[in-house]
C-alpha cells in the first residue's frame, strides 16, 4: 500500500496544519488537488493506472473532477472513482 504525505513546508500541511498521512482514494485526491494547485501535472503519474478491465468513470468522464450540477462552475475531486478517472466492474 502506498501513502502520500501532504506538506508544503517543514512539518506543515496545505493549510498550515500538521502533516497528515493519506492512502487509497484520499491519497489520490491529494495528488489530483496538488497537481491542479501547483500546475505540476507530472504528479498525476502517481495515481494508479487503470487495470485492463477498468472503464472511464461515468461521473467525471475520466477527468478526475466532478461538478455538483451542470452549469455550476465549481468542481471537486470525483468521489465516484476516488479521483482516479476510472472504475472497475463490480
PDB file of N, CA and C in Angstrom:
ATOM      1  N   UNK A   1       0.843  -1.170   0.000  1.00  0.00           N
ATOM      2  CA  UNK A   1       0.000   0.000   0.000  1.00  0.00           C
ATOM      3  C   UNK A   1       0.891   1.236   0.000  1.00  0.00           C
ATOM      4  N   UNK A   2       0.533   2.207  -0.806  1.00  0.00           N
ATOM      5  CA  UNK A   2       1.313   3.437  -0.852  1.00  0.00           C
ATOM      6  C   UNK A   2       0.649   4.491   0.024  1.00  0.00           C
ATOM      7  N   UNK A   3       1.437   5.412   0.501  1.00  0.00           N
ATOM      8  CA  UNK A   3       0.935   6.527   1.290  1.00  0.00           C
ATOM      9  C   UNK A   3       1.456   7.810   0.687  1.00  0.00           C
ATOM     10  N   UNK A   4       0.739   8.881   0.891  1.00  0.00           N
ATOM     11  CA  UNK A   4       1.153  10.197   0.412  1.00  0.00           C
ATOM     12  C   UNK A   4       1.209  11.112   1.616  1.00  0.00           C
ATOM     13  N   UNK A   5       2.297  11.837   1.746  1.00  0.00           N
ATOM     14  CA  UNK A   5       2.415  12.839   2.797  1.00  0.00           C
ATOM     15  C   UNK A   5       2.207  14.196   2.159  1.00  0.00           C
ATOM     16  N   UNK A   6       1.258  14.960   2.681  1.00  0.00           N
ATOM     17  CA  UNK A   6       0.930  16.264   2.128  1.00  0.00           C
ATOM     18  C   UNK A   6       1.655  17.324   2.940  1.00  0.00           C
ATOM     19  N   UNK A   7       2.596  18.017   2.308  1.00  0.00           N
ATOM     20  CA  UNK A   7       3.364  19.028   3.026  1.00  0.00           C
ATOM     21  C   UNK A   7       3.880  20.078   2.060  1.00  0.00           C
ATOM     22  N   UNK A   8       3.764  21.326   2.445  1.00  0.00           N
ATOM     23  CA  UNK A   8       4.318  22.422   1.652  1.00  0.00           C
ATOM     24  C   UNK A   8       5.481  23.085   2.368  1.00  0.00           C
ATOM     25  N   UNK A   9       5.607  22.903   3.639  1.00  0.00           N
ATOM     26  CA  UNK A   9       6.710  23.455   4.407  1.00  0.00           C
ATOM     27  C   UNK A   9       7.054  22.459   5.506  1.00  0.00           C
ATOM     28  N   UNK A  10       8.211  22.596   6.109  1.00  0.00           N
ATOM     29  CA  UNK A  10       8.594  21.620   7.131  1.00  0.00           C
ATOM     30  C   UNK A  10       7.530  21.464   8.214  1.00  0.00           C
ATOM     31  N   UNK A  11       7.068  20.245   8.393  1.00  0.00           N
ATOM     32  CA  UNK A  11       6.117  19.872   9.447  1.00  0.00           C
ATOM     33  C   UNK A  11       4.756  20.546   9.331  1.00  0.00           C
ATOM     34  N   UNK A  12       4.384  21.020   8.157  1.00  0.00           N
ATOM     35  CA  UNK A  12       3.079  21.656   7.973  1.00  0.00           C
ATOM     36  C   UNK A  12       2.431  21.163   6.683  1.00  0.00           C
ATOM     37  N   UNK A  13       1.098  21.045   6.693  1.00  0.00           N
ATOM     38  CA  UNK A  13       0.352  20.623   5.516  1.00  0.00           C
ATOM     39  C   UNK A  13      -0.113  21.812   4.698  1.00  0.00           C
ATOM     40  N   UNK A  14      -1.050  21.575   3.799  1.00  0.00           N
ATOM     41  CA  UNK A  14      -1.554  22.605   2.877  1.00  0.00           C
ATOM     42  C   UNK A  14      -2.028  23.861   3.589  1.00  0.00           C
ATOM     43  N   UNK A  15      -2.747  23.713   4.682  1.00  0.00           N
ATOM     44  CA  UNK A  15      -3.338  24.862   5.366  1.00  0.00           C
ATOM     45  C   UNK A  15      -2.590  25.249   6.633  1.00  0.00           C
ATOM     46  N   UNK A  16      -1.343  24.814   6.763  1.00  0.00           N
ATOM     47  CA  UNK A  16      -0.577  25.125   7.948  1.00  0.00           C
ATOM     48  C   UNK A  16      -0.804  24.147   9.082  1.00  0.00           C
ATOM     49  N   UNK A  17      -1.656  23.157   8.857  1.00  0.00           N
ATOM     50  CA  UNK A  17      -1.913  22.133   9.865  1.00  0.00           C
ATOM     51  C   UNK A  17      -0.763  21.129   9.887  1.00  0.00           C
ATOM     52  N   UNK A  18      -0.822  20.215  10.835  1.00  0.00           N
ATOM     53  CA  UNK A  18       0.179  19.163  10.903  1.00  0.00           C
ATOM     54  C   UNK A  18       0.131  18.316   9.636  1.00  0.00           C
ATOM     55  N   UNK A  19       1.258  17.704   9.309  1.00  0.00           N
ATOM     56  CA  UNK A  19       1.328  16.798   8.158  1.00  0.00           C
ATOM     57  C   UNK A  19       0.416  15.608   8.430  1.00  0.00           C
ATOM     58  N   UNK A  20      -0.279  15.170   7.407  1.00  0.00           N
ATOM     59  CA  UNK A  20      -1.163  14.017   7.537  1.00  0.00           C
ATOM     60  C   UNK A  20      -0.743  12.941   6.540  1.00  0.00           C
ATOM     61  N   UNK A  21      -0.927  11.694   6.922  1.00  0.00           N
ATOM     62  CA  UNK A  21      -0.639  10.576   6.036  1.00  0.00           C
ATOM     63  C   UNK A  21      -1.948  10.106   5.424  1.00  0.00           C
ATOM     64  N   UNK A  22      -1.959   9.984   4.117  1.00  0.00           N
ATOM     65  CA  UNK A  22      -3.153   9.562   3.398  1.00  0.00           C
ATOM     66  C   UNK A  22      -2.840   8.322   2.584  1.00  0.00           C
ATOM     67  N   UNK A  23      -3.865   7.487   2.382  1.00  0.00           N
ATOM     68  CA  UNK A  23      -3.690   6.349   1.497  1.00  0.00           C
ATOM     69  C   UNK A  23      -4.981   6.125   0.727  1.00  0.00           C
ATOM     70  N   UNK A  24      -4.933   5.251  -0.261  1.00  0.00           N
ATOM     71  CA  UNK A  24      -6.113   4.938  -1.061  1.00  0.00           C
ATOM     72  C   UNK A  24      -6.677   6.148  -1.789  1.00  0.00           C
ATOM     73  N   UNK A  25      -8.008   6.246  -1.798  1.00  0.00           N
ATOM     74  CA  UNK A  25      -8.680   7.332  -2.512  1.00  0.00           C
ATOM     75  C   UNK A  25      -8.302   8.699  -1.969  1.00  0.00           C
ATOM     76  N   UNK A  26      -8.076   8.793  -0.673  1.00  0.00           N
ATOM     77  CA  UNK A  26      -7.689  10.083  -0.084  1.00  0.00           C
ATOM     78  C   UNK A  26      -6.328  10.529  -0.609  1.00  0.00           C
ATOM     79  N   UNK A  27      -5.432   9.587  -0.833  1.00  0.00           N
ATOM     80  CA  UNK A  27      -4.135   9.919  -1.416  1.00  0.00           C
ATOM     81  C   UNK A  27      -4.313  10.387  -2.859  1.00  0.00           C
ATOM     82  N   UNK A  28      -5.175   9.703  -3.616  1.00  0.00           N
ATOM     83  CA  UNK A  28      -5.439  10.114  -5.000  1.00  0.00           C
ATOM     84  C   UNK A  28      -5.979  11.532  -5.046  1.00  0.00           C
ATOM     85  N   UNK A  29      -6.912  11.840  -4.153  1.00  0.00           N
ATOM     86  CA  UNK A  29      -7.494  13.186  -4.114  1.00  0.00           C
ATOM     87  C   UNK A  29      -6.404  14.214  -3.822  1.00  0.00           C
ATOM     88  N   UNK A  30      -5.535  13.934  -2.860  1.00  0.00           N
ATOM     89  CA  UNK A  30      -4.458  14.866  -2.524  1.00  0.00           C
ATOM     90  C   UNK A  30      -3.530  15.087  -3.719  1.00  0.00           C
ATOM     91  N   UNK A  31      -3.246  14.036  -4.453  1.00  0.00           N
ATOM     92  CA  UNK A  31      -2.381  14.149  -5.628  1.00  0.00           C
ATOM     93  C   UNK A  31      -3.047  15.000  -6.701  1.00  0.00           C
ATOM     94  N   UNK A  32      -4.318  14.731  -6.979  1.00  0.00           N
ATOM     95  CA  UNK A  32      -5.053  15.463  -8.016  1.00  0.00           C
ATOM     96  C   UNK A  32      -5.179  16.946  -7.641  1.00  0.00           C
ATOM     97  N   UNK A  33      -5.524  17.222  -6.392  1.00  0.00           N
ATOM     98  CA  UNK A  33      -5.634  18.615  -5.934  1.00  0.00           C
ATOM     99  C   UNK A  33      -4.262  19.290  -5.986  1.00  0.00           C
ATOM    100  N   UNK A  34      -3.229  18.585  -5.547  1.00  0.00           N
ATOM    101  CA  UNK A  34      -1.878  19.149  -5.587  1.00  0.00           C
ATOM    102  C   UNK A  34      -1.414  19.449  -6.995  1.00  0.00           C
ATOM    103  N   UNK A  35      -1.723  18.563  -7.936  1.00  0.00           N
ATOM    104  CA  UNK A  35      -1.344  18.790  -9.337  1.00  0.00           C
ATOM    105  C   UNK A  35      -2.027  20.030  -9.887  1.00  0.00           C
ATOM    106  N   UNK A  36      -3.287  20.203  -9.545  1.00  0.00           N
ATOM    107  CA  UNK A  36      -4.023  21.371 -10.038  1.00  0.00           C
ATOM    108  C   UNK A  36      -3.529  22.651  -9.359  1.00  0.00           C
ATOM    109  N   UNK A  37      -3.302  22.587  -8.051  1.00  0.00           N
ATOM    110  CA  UNK A  37      -2.889  23.773  -7.293  1.00  0.00           C
ATOM    111  C   UNK A  37      -1.499  24.256  -7.680  1.00  0.00           C
ATOM    112  N   UNK A  38      -0.619  23.325  -8.000  1.00  0.00           N
ATOM    113  CA  UNK A  38       0.765  23.695  -8.299  1.00  0.00           C
ATOM    114  C   UNK A  38       1.056  23.789  -9.787  1.00  0.00           C
ATOM    115  N   UNK A  39       0.195  23.187 -10.611  1.00  0.00           N
ATOM    116  CA  UNK A  39       0.451  23.140 -12.044  1.00  0.00           C
ATOM    117  C   UNK A  39       1.460  22.061 -12.424  1.00  0.00           C
ATOM    118  N   UNK A  40       1.826  21.218 -11.461  1.00  0.00           N
ATOM    119  CA  UNK A  40       2.785  20.138 -11.731  1.00  0.00           C
ATOM    120  C   UNK A  40       1.988  18.897 -12.131  1.00  0.00           C
ATOM    121  N   UNK A  41       1.657  18.810 -13.421  1.00  0.00           N
ATOM    122  CA  UNK A  41       0.796  17.728 -13.887  1.00  0.00           C
ATOM    123  C   UNK A  41       1.470  16.361 -13.799  1.00  0.00           C
ATOM    124  N   UNK A  42       2.797  16.359 -13.687  1.00  0.00           N
ATOM    125  CA  UNK A  42       3.514  15.097 -13.556  1.00  0.00           C
ATOM    126  C   UNK A  42       3.121  14.356 -12.279  1.00  0.00           C
ATOM    127  N   UNK A  43       2.575  15.076 -11.291  1.00  0.00           N
ATOM    128  CA  UNK A  43       2.098  14.421 -10.070  1.00  0.00           C
ATOM    129  C   UNK A  43       1.022  13.380 -10.387  1.00  0.00           C
ATOM    130  N   UNK A  44       0.256  13.601 -11.450  1.00  0.00           N
ATOM    131  CA  UNK A  44      -0.810  12.671 -11.816  1.00  0.00           C
ATOM    132  C   UNK A  44      -0.275  11.286 -12.174  1.00  0.00           C
ATOM    133  N   UNK A  45       1.021  11.203 -12.487  1.00  0.00           N
ATOM    134  CA  UNK A  45       1.628   9.891 -12.757  1.00  0.00           C
ATOM    135  C   UNK A  45       1.629   9.018 -11.510  1.00  0.00           C
ATOM    136  N   UNK A  46       1.433   9.614 -10.330  1.00  0.00           N
ATOM    137  CA  UNK A  46       1.393   8.864  -9.077  1.00  0.00           C
ATOM    138  C   UNK A  46       0.040   8.189  -8.834  1.00  0.00           C
ATOM    139  N   UNK A  47      -0.995   8.620  -9.552  1.00  0.00           N
ATOM    140  CA  UNK A  47      -2.314   7.994  -9.423  1.00  0.00           C
ATOM    141  C   UNK A  47      -2.243   6.639 -10.126  1.00  0.00           C
ATOM    142  N   UNK A  48      -2.755   5.592  -9.498  1.00  0.00           N
ATOM    143  CA  UNK A  48      -2.666   4.254 -10.111  1.00  0.00           C
ATOM    144  C   UNK A  48      -3.252   4.207 -11.527  1.00  0.00           C
ATOM    145  N   UNK A  49      -2.559   3.506 -12.392  1.00  0.00           N
ATOM    146  CA  UNK A  49      -3.035   3.317 -13.768  1.00  0.00           C
ATOM    147  C   UNK A  49      -4.218   2.349 -13.758  1.00  0.00           C
ATOM    148  N   UNK A  50      -5.118   2.494 -14.711  1.00  0.00           N
ATOM    149  CA  UNK A  50      -6.275   1.589 -14.735  1.00  0.00           C
ATOM    150  C   UNK A  50      -5.886   0.168 -15.130  1.00  0.00           C
ATOM    151  N   UNK A  51      -6.507  -0.820 -14.497  1.00  0.00           N
ATOM    152  CA  UNK A  51      -6.281  -2.200 -14.917  1.00  0.00           C
ATOM    153  C   UNK A  51      -6.983  -2.448 -16.261  1.00  0.00           C
ATOM    154  N   UNK A  52      -6.683  -3.549 -16.917  1.00  0.00           N
ATOM    155  CA  UNK A  52      -7.267  -3.819 -18.237  1.00  0.00           C
ATOM    156  C   UNK A  52      -8.797  -3.812 -18.267  1.00  0.00           C
ATOM    157  N   UNK A  53      -9.451  -4.214 -17.181  1.00  0.00           N
ATOM    158  CA  UNK A  53     -10.912  -4.283 -17.188  1.00  0.00           C
ATOM    159  C   UNK A  53     -11.589  -3.009 -16.678  1.00  0.00           C
ATOM    160  N   UNK A  54     -10.820  -1.951 -16.477  1.00  0.00           N
ATOM    161  CA  UNK A  54     -11.382  -0.691 -15.980  1.00  0.00           C
ATOM    162  C   UNK A  54     -12.125   0.053 -17.090  1.00  0.00           C
ATOM    163  N   UNK A  55     -13.070   0.891 -16.670  1.00  0.00           N
ATOM    164  CA  UNK A  55     -13.789   1.751 -17.608  1.00  0.00           C
ATOM    165  C   UNK A  55     -13.680   3.193 -17.137  1.00  0.00           C
ATOM    166  N   UNK A  56     -13.817   4.105 -18.076  1.00  0.00           N
ATOM    167  CA  UNK A  56     -13.785   5.522 -17.748  1.00  0.00           C
ATOM    168  C   UNK A  56     -14.929   5.834 -16.786  1.00  0.00           C
ATOM    169  N   UNK A  57     -14.650   6.620 -15.772  1.00  0.00           N
ATOM    170  CA  UNK A  57     -15.664   6.967 -14.779  1.00  0.00           C
ATOM    171  C   UNK A  57     -16.824   7.702 -15.445  1.00  0.00           C
ATOM    172  N   UNK A  58     -18.024   7.252 -15.171  1.00  0.00           N
ATOM    173  CA  UNK A  58     -19.204   7.866 -15.782  1.00  0.00           C
ATOM    174  C   UNK A  58     -19.555   9.209 -15.137  1.00  0.00           C
ATOM    175  N   UNK A  59     -19.100   9.458 -13.942  1.00  0.00           N
ATOM    176  CA  UNK A  59     -19.397  10.720 -13.250  1.00  0.00           C
ATOM    177  C   UNK A  59     -18.506  11.857 -13.741  1.00  0.00           C
ATOM    178  N   UNK A  60     -17.202  11.587 -13.881  1.00  0.00           N
ATOM    179  CA  UNK A  60     -16.262  12.656 -14.258  1.00  0.00           C
ATOM    180  C   UNK A  60     -15.746  12.523 -15.693  1.00  0.00           C
ATOM    181  N   UNK A  61     -16.158  11.486 -16.388  1.00  0.00           N
ATOM    182  CA  UNK A  61     -15.719  11.228 -17.770  1.00  0.00           C
ATOM    183  C   UNK A  61     -14.207  11.105 -17.879  1.00  0.00           C
ATOM    184  N   UNK A  62     -13.580  10.610 -16.796  1.00  0.00           N
ATOM    185  CA  UNK A  62     -12.144  10.393 -16.820  1.00  0.00           C
ATOM    186  C   UNK A  62     -11.300  11.604 -16.473  1.00  0.00           C
ATOM    187  N   UNK A  63     -11.933  12.731 -16.150  1.00  0.00           N
ATOM    188  CA  UNK A  63     -11.178  13.956 -15.852  1.00  0.00           C
ATOM    189  C   UNK A  63     -10.660  14.016 -14.429  1.00  0.00           C
ATOM    190  N   UNK A  64     -11.203  13.167 -13.559  1.00  0.00           N
ATOM    191  CA  UNK A  64     -10.903  13.138 -12.119  1.00  0.00           C
ATOM    192  C   UNK A  64     -11.609  14.249 -11.349  1.00  0.00           C
ATOM    193  N   UNK A  65     -12.362  15.094 -12.027  1.00  0.00           N
ATOM    194  CA  UNK A  65     -13.074  16.218 -11.406  1.00  0.00           C
ATOM    195  C   UNK A  65     -14.559  16.107 -11.732  1.00  0.00           C
ATOM    196  N   UNK A  66     -15.401  16.349 -10.751  1.00  0.00           N
ATOM    197  CA  UNK A  66     -16.852  16.286 -10.932  1.00  0.00           C
ATOM    198  C   UNK A  66     -17.477  17.607 -10.508  1.00  0.00           C
ATOM    199  N   UNK A  67     -18.647  17.882 -11.046  1.00  0.00           N
ATOM    200  CA  UNK A  67     -19.398  19.084 -10.667  1.00  0.00           C
ATOM    201  C   UNK A  67     -20.652  18.651  -9.917  1.00  0.00           C
ATOM    202  N   UNK A  68     -21.129  19.528  -9.065  1.00  0.00           N
ATOM    203  CA  UNK A  68     -22.346  19.229  -8.308  1.00  0.00           C
ATOM    204  C   UNK A  68     -23.539  19.157  -9.241  1.00  0.00           C
ATOM    205  N   UNK A  69     -23.592  20.109 -10.159  1.00  0.00           N
ATOM    206  CA  UNK A  69     -24.715  20.193 -11.092  1.00  0.00           C
ATOM    207  C   UNK A  69     -24.209  20.859 -12.366  1.00  0.00           C
ATOM    208  N   UNK A  70     -24.604  20.363 -13.535  1.00  0.00           N
ATOM    209  CA  UNK A  70     -24.176  21.009 -14.779  1.00  0.00           C
ATOM    210  C   UNK A  70     -24.501  22.501 -14.758  1.00  0.00           C
ATOM    211  N   UNK A  71     -23.573  23.293 -15.198  1.00  0.00           N
ATOM    212  CA  UNK A  71     -23.759  24.740 -15.222  1.00  0.00           C
ATOM    213  C   UNK A  71     -23.172  25.446 -14.016  1.00  0.00           C
ATOM    214  N   UNK A  72     -22.871  24.697 -12.950  1.00  0.00           N
ATOM    215  CA  UNK A  72     -22.212  25.278 -11.783  1.00  0.00           C
ATOM    216  C   UNK A  72     -20.719  25.079 -11.974  1.00  0.00           C
ATOM    217  N   UNK A  73     -19.970  26.171 -11.970  1.00  0.00           N
ATOM    218  CA  UNK A  73     -18.566  26.133 -12.351  1.00  0.00           C
ATOM    219  C   UNK A  73     -17.649  25.449 -11.334  1.00  0.00           C
ATOM    220  N   UNK A  74     -18.056  25.319 -10.088  1.00  0.00           N
ATOM    221  CA  UNK A  74     -17.173  24.735  -9.087  1.00  0.00           C
ATOM    222  C   UNK A  74     -17.082  23.226  -9.267  1.00  0.00           C
ATOM    223  N   UNK A  75     -15.861  22.719  -9.225  1.00  0.00           N
ATOM    224  CA  UNK A  75     -15.650  21.283  -9.377  1.00  0.00           C
ATOM    225  C   UNK A  75     -14.901  20.740  -8.173  1.00  0.00           C
ATOM    226  N   UNK A  76     -15.049  19.424  -7.972  1.00  0.00           N
ATOM    227  CA  UNK A  76     -14.466  18.738  -6.829  1.00  0.00           C
ATOM    228  C   UNK A  76     -13.818  17.447  -7.305  1.00  0.00           C
ATOM    229  N   UNK A  77     -12.819  16.947  -6.569  1.00  0.00           N
ATOM    230  CA  UNK A  77     -12.294  15.635  -6.929  1.00  0.00           C
ATOM    231  C   UNK A  77     -13.440  14.615  -6.938  1.00  0.00           C
ATOM    232  N   UNK A  78     -13.482  13.802  -7.953  1.00  0.00           N
ATOM    233  CA  UNK A  78     -14.597  12.875  -8.142  1.00  0.00           C
ATOM    234  C   UNK A  78     -14.622  11.791  -7.065  1.00  0.00           C
ATOM    235  N   UNK A  79     -15.721  11.743  -6.335  1.00  0.00           N
ATOM    236  CA  UNK A  79     -15.892  10.730  -5.291  1.00  0.00           C
ATOM    237  C   UNK A  79     -16.272   9.373  -5.884  1.00  0.00           C
ATOM    238  N   UNK A  80     -16.875   9.369  -7.058  1.00  0.00           N
ATOM    239  CA  UNK A  80     -17.325   8.111  -7.663  1.00  0.00           C
ATOM    240  C   UNK A  80     -16.151   7.199  -8.021  1.00  0.00           C
ATOM    241  N   UNK A  81     -15.035   7.788  -8.424  1.00  0.00           N
ATOM    242  CA  UNK A  81     -13.883   6.979  -8.827  1.00  0.00           C
ATOM    243  C   UNK A  81     -12.676   7.186  -7.913  1.00  0.00           C
ATOM    244  N   UNK A  82     -12.848   7.963  -6.852  1.00  0.00           N
ATOM    245  CA  UNK A  82     -11.719   8.223  -5.969  1.00  0.00           C
ATOM    246  C   UNK A  82     -10.649   9.069  -6.632  1.00  0.00           C
ATOM    247  N   UNK A  83     -11.065   9.935  -7.563  1.00  0.00           N
ATOM    248  CA  UNK A  83     -10.174  10.840  -8.304  1.00  0.00           C
ATOM    249  C   UNK A  83      -9.171  10.089  -9.178  1.00  0.00           C
ATOM    250  N   UNK A  84      -9.507   8.840  -9.540  1.00  0.00           N
ATOM    251  CA  UNK A  84      -8.640   8.068 -10.438  1.00  0.00           C
ATOM    252  C   UNK A  84      -8.974   8.322 -11.904  1.00  0.00           C
ATOM    253  N   UNK A  85     -10.246   8.607 -12.192  1.00  0.00           N
ATOM    254  CA  UNK A  85     -10.682   8.770 -13.572  1.00  0.00           C
ATOM    255  C   UNK A  85     -11.208   7.494 -14.185  1.00  0.00           C
ATOM    256  N   UNK A  86     -11.151   6.409 -13.446  1.00  0.00           N
ATOM    257  CA  UNK A  86     -11.613   5.107 -13.935  1.00  0.00           C
ATOM    258  C   UNK A  86     -12.244   4.313 -12.787  1.00  0.00           C
ATOM    259  N   UNK A  87     -13.054   3.342 -13.181  1.00  0.00           N
ATOM    260  CA  UNK A  87     -13.668   2.447 -12.204  1.00  0.00           C
ATOM    261  C   UNK A  87     -13.521   1.012 -12.693  1.00  0.00           C
ATOM    262  N   UNK A  88     -13.611   0.096 -11.760  1.00  0.00           N
ATOM    263  CA  UNK A  88     -13.564  -1.327 -12.095  1.00  0.00           C
ATOM    264  C   UNK A  88     -14.968  -1.901 -12.068  1.00  0.00           C
ATOM    265  N   UNK A  89     -15.243  -2.888 -12.896  1.00  0.00           N
ATOM    266  CA  UNK A  89     -16.558  -3.532 -12.840  1.00  0.00           C
ATOM    267  C   UNK A  89     -16.779  -4.153 -11.459  1.00  0.00           C
ATOM    268  N   UNK A  90     -18.021  -4.152 -11.031  1.00  0.00           N
ATOM    269  CA  UNK A  90     -18.355  -4.713  -9.703  1.00  0.00           C
ATOM    270  C   UNK A  90     -18.207  -6.214  -9.655  1.00  0.00           C
TER     271      UNK A  90
END
